[in-house]
Structures are given as C-alpha cells and as structure tokens.
Amino acid sequence: MEIIKFKRNDILELKKPHPCGSKQFKILRIGSDVRIVCQGCGRDMVLDRIKLEKATKKILFSEEEGGEQ
C-alpha cells in the first residue's frame, strides 16, 4: 500500500459518505491524527492517519499542485 501525502487544505473524496450525504472533506490539521471537516454540513472530526488513508478514494484538490492528481 502506498503512503498518501496529505497536505493542509487538501480536499479529499472518501469511499463512504458522511451521514449528511457528502463525500468531500477538507484537511485542517495533519499529524498521527488528522483533523478533517465535512464540506456538506461543516462537522469536524479527528481520524487516525492510517484509517484516513484506507478511507480515501482520491484527492480532489491540492493547493500546491492546483488541481487533480
């Protein structure tokens, strides 16, 4: 499994939707735990980095690269 390079303010698409129906999340803080916020309802949550890597489908937007990967 490849290690995903997360950066602050990246927009992720996860495999499973949040209960509000949105699959897009923005990264707020990175470390061993990653803090993300739902783009649909604004709820924020903290996940283990490994769990987030497994749940991530793709990175939709990255500020440094300016678009899709």
C-alpha atoms as a PDB file:
ATOM      1  CA  MET A   1       0.000   0.000   0.000  1.00  0.00           C
ATOM      2  CA  GLU A   2       1.323   3.409  -0.983  1.00  0.00           C
ATOM      3  CA  ILE A   3       1.528   6.135   1.664  1.00  0.00           C
ATOM      4  CA  ILE A   4      -0.676   9.087   0.701  1.00  0.00           C
ATOM      5  CA  LYS A   5       0.923  12.525   1.124  1.00  0.00           C
ATOM      6  CA  PHE A   6      -1.715  14.683   2.792  1.00  0.00           C
ATOM      7  CA  LYS A   7      -1.298  18.459   2.919  1.00  0.00           C
ATOM      8  CA  ARG A   8      -3.243  21.092   4.823  1.00  0.00           C
ATOM      9  CA  ASN A   9      -6.325  22.384   2.937  1.00  0.00           C
ATOM     10  CA  ASP A  10      -6.463  19.367   0.577  1.00  0.00           C
ATOM     11  CA  ILE A  11      -9.974  18.320  -0.421  1.00  0.00           C
ATOM     12  CA  LEU A  12     -10.462  14.540  -0.203  1.00  0.00           C
ATOM     13  CA  GLU A  13     -13.138  12.254  -1.561  1.00  0.00           C
ATOM     14  CA  LEU A  14     -13.769   9.350   0.804  1.00  0.00           C
ATOM     15  CA  LYS A  15     -15.165   5.937  -0.112  1.00  0.00           C
ATOM     16  CA  LYS A  16     -18.174   6.174   2.223  1.00  0.00           C
ATOM     17  CA  PRO A  17     -20.361   9.268   2.534  1.00  0.00           C
ATOM     18  CA  HIS A  18     -20.874  11.217   5.750  1.00  0.00           C
ATOM     19  CA  PRO A  19     -24.430  10.874   7.190  1.00  0.00           C
ATOM     20  CA  CYS A  20     -25.275  14.250   5.587  1.00  0.00           C
ATOM     21  CA  GLY A  21     -24.581  12.702   2.158  1.00  0.00           C
ATOM     22  CA  SER A  22     -21.321  14.473   1.276  1.00  0.00           C
ATOM     23  CA  LYS A  23     -18.162  12.519   0.384  1.00  0.00           C
ATOM     24  CA  GLN A  24     -15.871  15.574   0.328  1.00  0.00           C
ATOM     25  CA  PHE A  25     -13.727  16.580   3.303  1.00  0.00           C
ATOM     26  CA  LYS A  26     -11.118  19.280   3.846  1.00  0.00           C
ATOM     27  CA  ILE A  27      -7.954  18.628   5.878  1.00  0.00           C
ATOM     28  CA  LEU A  28      -7.436  21.082   8.751  1.00  0.00           C
ATOM     29  CA  ARG A  29      -4.555  19.522  10.721  1.00  0.00           C
ATOM     30  CA  ILE A  30      -2.053  16.748   9.995  1.00  0.00           C
ATOM     31  CA  GLY A  31      -0.109  14.522  12.371  1.00  0.00           C
ATOM     32  CA  SER A  32      -0.531  10.977  13.631  1.00  0.00           C
ATOM     33  CA  ASP A  33      -4.193  12.008  13.854  1.00  0.00           C
ATOM     34  CA  VAL A  34      -5.737  14.027  11.024  1.00  0.00           C
ATOM     35  CA  ARG A  35      -8.497  16.579  11.597  1.00  0.00           C
ATOM     36  CA  ILE A  36     -10.958  16.869   8.713  1.00  0.00           C
ATOM     37  CA  VAL A  37     -14.148  18.860   8.174  1.00  0.00           C
ATOM     38  CA  CYS A  38     -17.150  17.772   6.090  1.00  0.00           C
ATOM     39  CA  GLN A  39     -17.768  20.062   3.131  1.00  0.00           C
ATOM     40  CA  GLY A  40     -21.510  19.345   3.265  1.00  0.00           C
ATOM     41  CA  CYS A  41     -22.507  20.093   6.869  1.00  0.00           C
ATOM     42  CA  GLY A  42     -19.340  21.557   8.448  1.00  0.00           C
ATOM     43  CA  ARG A  43     -18.888  18.828  11.099  1.00  0.00           C
ATOM     44  CA  ASP A  44     -15.251  18.298  12.022  1.00  0.00           C
ATOM     45  CA  MET A  45     -13.699  15.059  13.216  1.00  0.00           C
ATOM     46  CA  VAL A  46     -10.345  13.536  14.080  1.00  0.00           C
ATOM     47  CA  LEU A  47      -9.261  10.251  12.478  1.00  0.00           C
ATOM     48  CA  ASP A  48      -6.122   8.138  12.751  1.00  0.00           C
ATOM     49  CA  ARG A  49      -3.898   8.735   9.732  1.00  0.00           C
ATOM     50  CA  ILE A  50      -3.971   5.037   8.798  1.00  0.00           C
ATOM     51  CA  LYS A  51      -7.794   4.907   8.894  1.00  0.00           C
ATOM     52  CA  LEU A  52      -7.996   8.040   6.740  1.00  0.00           C
ATOM     53  CA  GLU A  53      -5.540   6.597   4.189  1.00  0.00           C
ATOM     54  CA  LYS A  54      -7.693   3.475   3.870  1.00  0.00           C
ATOM     55  CA  ALA A  55     -10.913   5.512   3.613  1.00  0.00           C
ATOM     56  CA  THR A  56      -9.602   7.947   0.966  1.00  0.00           C
ATOM     57  CA  LYS A  57     -10.726   7.358  -2.608  1.00  0.00           C
ATOM     58  CA  LYS A  58      -8.784  10.266  -4.154  1.00  0.00           C
ATOM     59  CA  ILE A  59      -7.504  13.783  -3.555  1.00  0.00           C
ATOM     60  CA  LEU A  60      -9.790  16.159  -5.461  1.00  0.00           C
ATOM     61  CA  PHE A  61      -7.875  19.393  -4.897  1.00  0.00           C
ATOM     62  CA  SER A  62      -4.415  20.220  -3.619  1.00  0.00           C
ATOM     63  CA  GLU A  63      -3.379  23.886  -3.244  1.00  0.00           C
ATOM     64  CA  GLU A  64       0.300  23.230  -4.072  1.00  0.00           C
ATOM     65  CA  GLU A  65      -0.487  21.479  -7.338  1.00  0.00           C
ATOM     66  CA  GLY A  66      -3.627  23.466  -8.096  1.00  0.00           C
ATOM     67  CA  GLY A  67      -5.889  20.630  -9.133  1.00  0.00           C
ATOM     68  CA  GLU A  68      -6.442  16.928  -9.612  1.00  0.00           C
ATOM     69  CA  GLN A  69      -3.797  14.302  -9.107  1.00  0.00           C
END
